[in-house]
Structure formats: C-alpha cells, structure tokens
Amino acid sequence: QVQLVESGGGLVQAGGSLRLSCAASGRTLSDYAMGWFRQAPGKERESIAAISRSGTNTRYADSVKGRFTISRDDAKNTVYLQMNSLKPEDTAVYSCAAGIRSWNYAPLDSADFDSWGQGTQVTVSS
C-alpha cells in the first residue's frame, strides 16, 4: 500500500496562494489516480480535485474550479495542489488520497480511494 504525506499548509491572507504537496512512498505513484480532499470543522469531508493516472484528466469541485490546480510529477512521486485566490471559506485540513483506477479516470468520490494521508492545515484569514 502506498503511504502519503502532505506538506505546504499554513496561514495565508485572503487572496493569497499556497501550493500543497503530497509525497508518496512504498509504491509507484503512476499506479494511482490521486485526489485532494478537505474537511473544515463541523463539516463533512469535501472532494475538491482529482487527477487520473495518465495525468491528462482532471476534475474539480465547483467550489474551487478556476482557482485550484491539481498536477502530478510521477518522477518525483509527488502530487501538487496549487491554490490561488484563497478565501476564508477554504480554511480546512487538506488531505491527499490514492486509488488504483483505470488509466484515464479522475475520481471525485472518496469511495474510489484506498490510501489517505494525515492532512495539512490551511488557514485563510480575512
């Protein structure tokens, strides 16, 4: 099973940017479709971005579309989430997840993922 470790979270002002990283170990990243999720206090976990194993297909939740970009670098076994134009409502714990899926499938359903990282806190101040 792949192990995932997120980094890059922190405190940022509204309108600012952050880039999260998800480093994978134990298995080859190209075996997995990858996703980013977030959970704010008192709210359900939200799927926000996904990228296929091929890297050619991406999907986003409406809440982040046009502001966030998911990408992957299989040579570095790392997936990224570039977050721009951040809003206070983006404040949450962000986690990455991996799932063995077909080559061009970018899943947004948490049930499609088998391995999860512990998460990194993102706080956006107004």
Foldseek 3Di string as FASTA:
>chain_A
DKAKAKDWADEEAAQAKTKMKIAIDDDQLLQWKKFKWWDDPPDDIFTAKIAFSQQPDMDGDPVQPPFWDWGDDRVRRMIMIIGGRDDQVVWTWMKMFIARDDRGDTDRDPVRTDYIYPTDTHGYHD
